[in-house]
Amino acid sequence: MNALHDLLAARSHLVLDGATGTELFRRGLESGNPPEEWNADRPDVIAGAYEAYVSVGADLFLTNTFGGTRYRLALHKLDERVHELNAAAARIGRQVVDAVAAESGRTVLVAGSMGPTGELLEPMGSMSQAACQSAFAEQAEGLVDGGADVLWVETISSLDEAAAAVAGARSVSDLPVCVTFSFDTAGRTMMGVTGQQVAQFGVDHQLAAVGANCGNNLADTEAALIQMRSVDENIPLISKGNAGIPAWKGTELHYDGTPEVMAAYAARARDAGASLIGACCGSTPEHIALMRQVLDGDAPVPDVVEVPATTTLVARDQPEARTRRRRRRR
């Protein structure tokens, strides 16, 4: 058993946080600036973002380290600060959850976010499997030293990169590892991975949980969950979809998925077999608050008007799945 499974054993489902980037933009982060740098420079803001999700009922939140590998940090000349910035993010999270535990006895987990490197592995690209594994190990070490409870690999498209991330994480820690893939290309990941393959990957690598986040639309995410559950009835599934479709309003990007849309999605994700349910791009604490209420039975499932999904995967595997559409990461 581990902290994540202990918490799952005590509850039928866990509520996850929403978008990190969206919340930081609301708190003053400017587009193009690396959010990870704020782990050192603006720890009060990072703590406030974590607390915002915890205060509305999140049982687990992701650290502000999505771009925390040396490859992503190098884009901002921060690649010499991998350990520092990752450890700082997890340490802030640890302080938040320890304060919650001291106040109310409530258990909340800190999940160390590890996003894709942004590089292509050989033979399609120039990054070797060993270099990829090393980058994730370096990031994981910082997250572990900062006090993360779980290592959370997210928005992955390639099974090879997922394998490197898992191997890197496990080379420095025995913390539980979760992996989520992004389904954004006709019901598959960008690299052609299916929901069935993701579930089998989770079984083969003995992951604590596996699932889908971000992606092209909520229907694809839900259909992928159904595929995953068909492979294994027991592995915990994660669903963390985007808050609708992004659209520019003046100089700002807005997502059209209201809290009601996401709360209805949360209920469908639970029915599809997910036990860890949150939201991704465009979502806010307001979204998570209503999702929590609906999942706990404290509010009815919203009766929202949904747009039929049109991907091949949904048409084949989940004809009843209907929803709004589209888009990518935070």
Protein backbone atom coordinates (compact mmCIF):
# COMPACT_ATOMS: atom_id res chain seq x y z
CA MET A 1 0.00 0.00 0.00
CA ASN A 2 1.01 3.65 -0.44
CA ALA A 3 -0.44 7.04 0.46
CA LEU A 4 -2.48 7.23 -2.74
CA HIS A 5 -3.94 3.74 -2.43
CA ASP A 6 -4.61 4.29 1.26
CA LEU A 7 -6.70 7.34 0.42
CA LEU A 8 -8.48 5.55 -2.43
CA ALA A 9 -9.26 2.63 -0.13
CA ALA A 10 -11.04 5.00 2.22
CA ARG A 11 -13.17 6.68 -0.48
CA SER A 12 -14.98 5.75 -3.65
CA HIS A 13 -13.30 8.56 -5.57
CA LEU A 14 -10.74 11.34 -5.16
CA VAL A 15 -11.17 14.87 -6.46
CA LEU A 16 -8.09 16.33 -8.14
CA ASP A 17 -7.19 19.95 -8.79
CA GLY A 18 -7.72 22.00 -11.92
CA ALA A 19 -5.31 23.89 -14.17
CA THR A 20 -2.13 25.26 -12.62
CA GLY A 21 -1.26 27.65 -15.44
CA THR A 22 -4.78 29.08 -15.65
CA GLU A 23 -4.73 29.86 -11.94
CA LEU A 24 -1.27 31.46 -12.12
CA PHE A 25 -2.30 33.65 -15.05
CA ARG A 26 -5.20 34.84 -12.91
CA ARG A 27 -2.60 35.72 -10.27
CA GLY A 28 -0.35 37.76 -12.53
CA LEU A 29 1.87 35.38 -14.48
CA GLU A 30 2.50 36.76 -17.97
CA SER A 31 2.37 34.63 -21.10
CA GLY A 32 5.80 33.37 -22.12
CA ASN A 33 7.29 33.53 -18.64
CA PRO A 34 8.25 30.23 -16.97
CA PRO A 35 5.84 29.48 -14.11
CA GLU A 36 8.43 27.21 -12.47
CA GLU A 37 10.62 30.23 -11.66
CA TRP A 38 7.89 31.48 -9.33
CA ASN A 39 8.51 28.45 -7.10
CA ALA A 40 11.61 30.30 -5.92
CA ASP A 41 10.66 33.92 -6.58
CA ARG A 42 6.95 33.97 -5.64
CA PRO A 43 6.34 31.09 -3.22
CA ASP A 44 3.41 32.96 -1.67
CA VAL A 45 1.59 32.99 -5.01
CA ILE A 46 2.26 29.29 -5.60
CA ALA A 47 1.01 28.46 -2.11
CA GLY A 48 -2.10 30.52 -2.78
CA ALA A 49 -2.80 28.62 -5.99
CA TYR A 50 -2.45 25.27 -4.22
CA GLU A 51 -4.62 26.45 -1.32
CA ALA A 52 -7.34 27.65 -3.69
CA TYR A 53 -7.90 24.09 -4.92
CA VAL A 54 -7.55 22.50 -1.49
CA SER A 55 -10.08 24.93 -0.03
CA VAL A 56 -12.80 23.78 -2.47
CA GLY A 57 -12.22 20.11 -1.80
CA ALA A 58 -9.30 18.80 -3.85
CA ASP A 59 -7.84 15.65 -2.30
CA LEU A 60 -4.69 15.90 -4.41
CA PHE A 61 -3.02 18.74 -6.31
CA LEU A 62 -0.20 18.85 -8.84
CA THR A 63 2.93 20.85 -8.23
CA ASN A 64 3.90 23.81 -10.41
CA THR A 65 6.53 21.76 -12.26
CA PHE A 66 4.93 20.71 -15.55
CA GLY A 67 7.93 22.10 -17.47
CA GLY A 68 10.44 21.06 -14.85
CA THR A 69 12.81 18.86 -16.86
CA ARG A 70 16.15 20.28 -17.95
CA TYR A 71 14.95 20.33 -21.54
CA ARG A 72 11.96 22.56 -20.86
CA LEU A 73 13.79 24.76 -18.37
CA ALA A 74 16.63 25.26 -20.87
CA LEU A 75 14.21 27.28 -23.02
CA HIS A 76 14.39 29.92 -20.28
CA LYS A 77 18.04 29.34 -19.33
CA LEU A 78 16.99 27.68 -16.09
CA ASP A 79 18.35 24.20 -16.76
CA GLU A 80 20.95 24.55 -14.01
CA ARG A 81 18.12 24.97 -11.48
CA VAL A 82 16.20 21.73 -12.03
CA HIS A 83 16.56 20.39 -8.51
CA GLU A 84 16.03 23.77 -6.86
CA LEU A 85 12.81 24.66 -8.68
CA ASN A 86 11.25 21.21 -8.43
CA ALA A 87 12.12 20.82 -4.76
CA ALA A 88 10.76 24.30 -4.03
CA ALA A 89 7.40 23.51 -5.67
CA ALA A 90 6.98 20.31 -3.69
CA ARG A 91 8.14 21.93 -0.47
CA ILE A 92 5.49 24.65 -0.81
CA GLY A 93 2.90 21.93 -1.39
CA ARG A 94 4.10 20.03 1.65
CA GLN A 95 3.68 23.13 3.81
CA VAL A 96 0.13 23.60 2.52
CA VAL A 97 -1.01 20.02 3.19
CA ASP A 98 0.74 19.84 6.56
CA ALA A 99 -1.13 22.97 7.61
CA VAL A 100 -4.43 21.44 6.46
CA ALA A 101 -3.70 18.24 8.38
CA ALA A 102 -2.85 20.20 11.53
CA GLU A 103 -6.04 22.29 11.26
CA SER A 104 -8.61 19.69 10.31
CA GLY A 105 -6.95 16.27 10.21
CA ARG A 106 -7.83 16.08 6.53
CA THR A 107 -5.42 14.20 4.25
CA VAL A 108 -4.41 15.92 1.00
CA LEU A 109 -1.65 14.62 -1.25
CA VAL A 110 1.07 16.47 -3.13
CA ALA A 111 1.63 15.07 -6.63
CA GLY A 112 4.90 15.99 -8.31
CA SER A 113 3.96 17.00 -11.87
CA MET A 114 6.32 15.81 -14.61
CA GLY A 115 5.32 16.93 -18.11
CA PRO A 116 6.85 15.85 -21.43
CA THR A 117 10.37 16.94 -22.30
CA GLY A 118 9.26 18.47 -25.59
CA GLU A 119 11.91 16.42 -27.42
CA LEU A 120 11.44 13.47 -29.75
CA LEU A 121 13.10 10.17 -28.93
CA GLU A 122 15.30 8.30 -31.38
CA PRO A 123 14.85 7.37 -34.19
CA MET A 124 12.27 10.11 -34.83
CA GLY A 125 14.34 12.64 -32.92
CA SER A 126 17.76 13.05 -31.37
CA MET A 127 17.06 12.28 -27.70
CA SER A 128 18.19 8.86 -26.52
CA GLN A 129 16.12 6.76 -24.13
CA ALA A 130 18.94 7.03 -21.58
CA ALA A 131 19.01 10.84 -21.79
CA CYS A 132 15.23 10.99 -21.43
CA GLN A 133 15.29 8.73 -18.39
CA SER A 134 18.07 10.80 -16.84
CA ALA A 135 16.09 14.02 -17.28
CA PHE A 136 13.05 12.58 -15.53
CA ALA A 137 15.21 11.11 -12.76
CA GLU A 138 16.76 14.51 -12.14
CA GLN A 139 13.34 16.14 -11.91
CA ALA A 140 11.91 13.38 -9.74
CA GLU A 141 14.78 13.68 -7.29
CA GLY A 142 13.95 17.34 -6.70
CA LEU A 143 10.26 16.57 -6.22
CA VAL A 144 11.01 13.76 -3.79
CA ASP A 145 13.44 15.90 -1.78
CA GLY A 146 10.78 18.61 -1.57
CA GLY A 147 8.26 16.21 -0.04
CA ALA A 148 5.97 15.00 -2.84
CA ASP A 149 3.68 12.06 -1.98
CA VAL A 150 3.23 10.87 -5.57
CA LEU A 151 5.12 11.29 -8.86
CA TRP A 152 2.65 12.28 -11.57
CA VAL A 153 3.72 12.01 -15.22
CA GLU A 154 1.21 13.91 -17.35
CA THR A 155 0.19 14.95 -20.88
CA ILE A 156 2.25 12.18 -22.45
CA SER A 157 1.85 11.06 -26.07
CA SER A 158 4.49 8.35 -26.46
CA LEU A 159 4.78 4.99 -24.71
CA ASP A 160 8.56 5.24 -24.99
CA GLU A 161 8.67 8.60 -23.21
CA ALA A 162 6.27 7.27 -20.58
CA ALA A 163 8.55 4.27 -20.02
CA ALA A 164 11.57 6.56 -19.66
CA ALA A 165 9.70 8.76 -17.18
CA VAL A 166 8.62 5.81 -15.05
CA ALA A 167 12.11 4.31 -15.09
CA GLY A 168 13.65 7.66 -14.19
CA ALA A 169 11.21 8.21 -11.34
CA ARG A 170 11.79 4.75 -9.92
CA SER A 171 15.55 5.06 -10.15
CA VAL A 172 15.48 7.71 -7.42
CA SER A 173 12.36 6.87 -5.39
CA ASP A 174 9.84 4.23 -4.37
CA LEU A 175 6.94 6.71 -4.36
CA PRO A 176 3.82 5.66 -6.28
CA VAL A 177 3.88 6.71 -9.94
CA CYS A 178 0.86 7.78 -12.01
CA VAL A 179 0.83 8.46 -15.75
CA THR A 180 -1.75 10.26 -17.88
CA PHE A 181 -1.78 10.51 -21.66
CA SER A 182 -3.35 13.22 -23.83
CA PHE A 183 -5.87 12.01 -26.41
CA ASP A 184 -5.91 14.70 -29.05
CA THR A 185 -5.67 13.10 -32.50
CA ALA A 186 -8.84 11.31 -33.64
CA GLY A 187 -9.21 9.59 -30.29
CA ARG A 188 -5.54 8.65 -29.97
CA THR A 189 -2.51 10.44 -28.64
CA MET A 190 -0.33 12.42 -31.04
CA MET A 191 1.89 9.33 -31.33
CA GLY A 192 -1.04 7.02 -32.06
CA VAL A 193 -1.44 5.43 -28.61
CA THR A 194 -4.90 4.03 -27.77
CA GLY A 195 -6.71 3.80 -24.46
CA GLN A 196 -6.19 0.03 -24.43
CA GLN A 197 -2.44 0.49 -24.82
CA VAL A 198 -2.36 3.01 -21.99
CA ALA A 199 -4.13 0.62 -19.63
CA GLN A 200 -1.85 -2.25 -20.59
CA PHE A 201 1.14 0.02 -20.01
CA GLY A 202 -0.19 0.76 -16.55
CA VAL A 203 -0.61 -2.92 -15.77
CA ASP A 204 2.79 -3.89 -17.16
CA HIS A 205 4.58 -1.15 -15.23
CA GLN A 206 2.55 -1.64 -12.04
CA LEU A 207 1.52 2.01 -11.91
CA ALA A 208 -0.48 3.37 -8.99
CA ALA A 209 -2.97 4.83 -11.50
CA VAL A 210 -3.19 5.61 -15.19
CA GLY A 211 -5.50 7.71 -17.31
CA ALA A 212 -6.11 10.73 -19.52
CA ASN A 213 -5.63 14.46 -19.16
CA CYS A 214 -5.86 17.52 -21.40
CA GLY A 215 -6.76 16.28 -24.90
CA ASN A 216 -8.87 17.33 -27.85
CA ASN A 217 -12.29 17.14 -26.19
CA LEU A 218 -14.09 15.65 -23.22
CA ALA A 219 -15.72 12.93 -25.32
CA ASP A 220 -12.35 11.55 -26.45
CA THR A 221 -11.18 11.53 -22.84
CA GLU A 222 -14.29 9.66 -21.73
CA ALA A 223 -14.07 7.18 -24.60
CA ALA A 224 -10.41 6.50 -23.77
CA LEU A 225 -11.41 5.75 -20.18
CA ILE A 226 -13.91 3.15 -21.39
CA GLN A 227 -11.16 1.55 -23.46
CA MET A 228 -8.84 1.50 -20.47
CA ARG A 229 -11.42 -0.08 -18.19
CA SER A 230 -12.05 -2.82 -20.76
CA VAL A 231 -8.43 -3.93 -20.38
CA ASP A 232 -8.29 -4.09 -16.59
CA GLU A 233 -11.10 -3.85 -14.03
CA ASN A 234 -8.91 -2.98 -11.09
CA ILE A 235 -6.27 -0.39 -11.98
CA PRO A 236 -7.30 3.07 -10.72
CA LEU A 237 -8.17 5.40 -13.60
CA ILE A 238 -7.53 9.16 -13.80
CA SER A 239 -9.65 11.62 -15.77
CA LYS A 240 -8.53 15.26 -15.98
CA GLY A 241 -10.10 16.85 -19.06
CA ASN A 242 -9.95 20.41 -20.36
CA ALA A 243 -12.66 22.97 -19.58
CA GLY A 244 -14.16 23.09 -23.05
CA ILE A 245 -12.86 24.85 -26.15
CA PRO A 246 -10.43 27.79 -25.97
CA ALA A 247 -11.26 30.96 -27.89
CA TRP A 248 -9.61 34.37 -28.02
CA LYS A 249 -11.55 37.27 -26.54
CA GLY A 250 -9.45 40.30 -27.33
CA THR A 251 -5.98 39.49 -26.02
CA GLU A 252 -7.12 36.80 -23.58
CA LEU A 253 -7.78 33.10 -24.10
CA HIS A 254 -11.04 31.85 -22.59
CA TYR A 255 -12.38 28.31 -22.27
CA ASP A 256 -16.10 27.74 -22.76
CA GLY A 257 -16.46 24.82 -20.34
CA THR A 258 -18.47 26.21 -17.44
CA PRO A 259 -18.43 24.66 -13.96
CA GLU A 260 -21.76 23.03 -14.89
CA VAL A 261 -20.26 21.44 -18.03
CA MET A 262 -17.30 20.11 -16.05
CA ALA A 263 -19.46 18.84 -13.20
CA ALA A 264 -21.57 16.86 -15.67
CA TYR A 265 -18.35 15.53 -17.20
CA ALA A 266 -17.09 14.52 -13.75
CA ALA A 267 -20.20 12.40 -13.21
CA ARG A 268 -19.75 10.73 -16.61
CA ALA A 269 -16.06 10.09 -15.92
CA ARG A 270 -16.98 8.38 -12.65
CA ASP A 271 -19.56 6.27 -14.48
CA ALA A 272 -16.89 5.33 -17.05
CA GLY A 273 -14.72 3.93 -14.27
CA ALA A 274 -12.50 6.81 -13.16
CA SER A 275 -11.81 7.12 -9.45
CA LEU A 276 -9.46 10.12 -9.62
CA ILE A 277 -11.27 13.03 -11.27
CA GLY A 278 -10.20 16.61 -11.84
CA ALA A 279 -9.75 19.09 -14.66
CA CYS A 280 -7.02 20.52 -16.86
CA CYS A 281 -6.64 23.58 -19.13
CA GLY A 282 -8.99 26.46 -18.49
CA SER A 283 -10.37 25.09 -15.23
CA THR A 284 -10.43 27.00 -11.96
CA PRO A 285 -11.29 26.40 -8.30
CA GLU A 286 -14.89 27.26 -9.21
CA HIS A 287 -14.98 24.28 -11.56
CA ILE A 288 -13.49 21.95 -8.97
CA ALA A 289 -15.90 23.17 -6.27
CA LEU A 290 -18.98 22.14 -8.26
CA MET A 291 -17.34 18.91 -9.43
CA ARG A 292 -16.73 18.03 -5.78
CA GLN A 293 -20.33 18.74 -4.83
CA VAL A 294 -21.72 16.64 -7.68
CA LEU A 295 -19.38 13.72 -7.08
CA ASP A 296 -20.20 13.75 -3.36
CA GLY A 297 -23.94 13.86 -4.04
CA ASP A 298 -24.33 17.31 -2.51
CA ALA A 299 -25.54 18.82 -5.78
CA PRO A 300 -27.47 17.34 -8.73
CA VAL A 301 -25.69 16.52 -11.97
CA PRO A 302 -26.18 19.63 -14.14
CA ASP A 303 -28.45 19.25 -17.14
CA VAL A 304 -26.20 20.85 -19.75
CA VAL A 305 -26.65 21.13 -23.51
CA GLU A 306 -23.86 19.18 -25.15
CA VAL A 307 -22.49 19.19 -28.68
CA PRO A 308 -22.14 15.71 -30.26
CA ALA A 309 -18.56 14.54 -30.56
CA THR A 310 -17.45 13.51 -34.02
CA THR A 311 -14.24 11.51 -33.63
CA THR A 312 -14.02 7.98 -34.97
CA LEU A 313 -13.23 6.60 -31.52
CA VAL A 314 -16.37 7.99 -29.93
CA ALA A 315 -18.57 6.94 -32.83
CA ARG A 316 -17.27 3.40 -32.54
CA ASP A 317 -16.90 2.87 -28.81
CA GLN A 318 -19.17 5.35 -27.08
CA PRO A 319 -21.99 6.54 -29.35
CA GLU A 320 -23.85 8.09 -26.46
CA ALA A 321 -20.91 10.27 -25.45
CA ARG A 322 -21.72 13.88 -26.27
CA THR A 323 -19.88 16.96 -25.22
CA ARG A 324 -18.24 20.22 -26.10
CA ARG A 325 -14.90 20.09 -27.84
CA ARG A 326 -11.22 20.54 -28.05
CA ARG A 327 -7.77 21.64 -27.04
CA ARG A 328 -4.42 21.35 -25.36
CA ARG A 329 -2.45 22.01 -22.19
CA ARG A 330 -2.49 24.73 -19.58
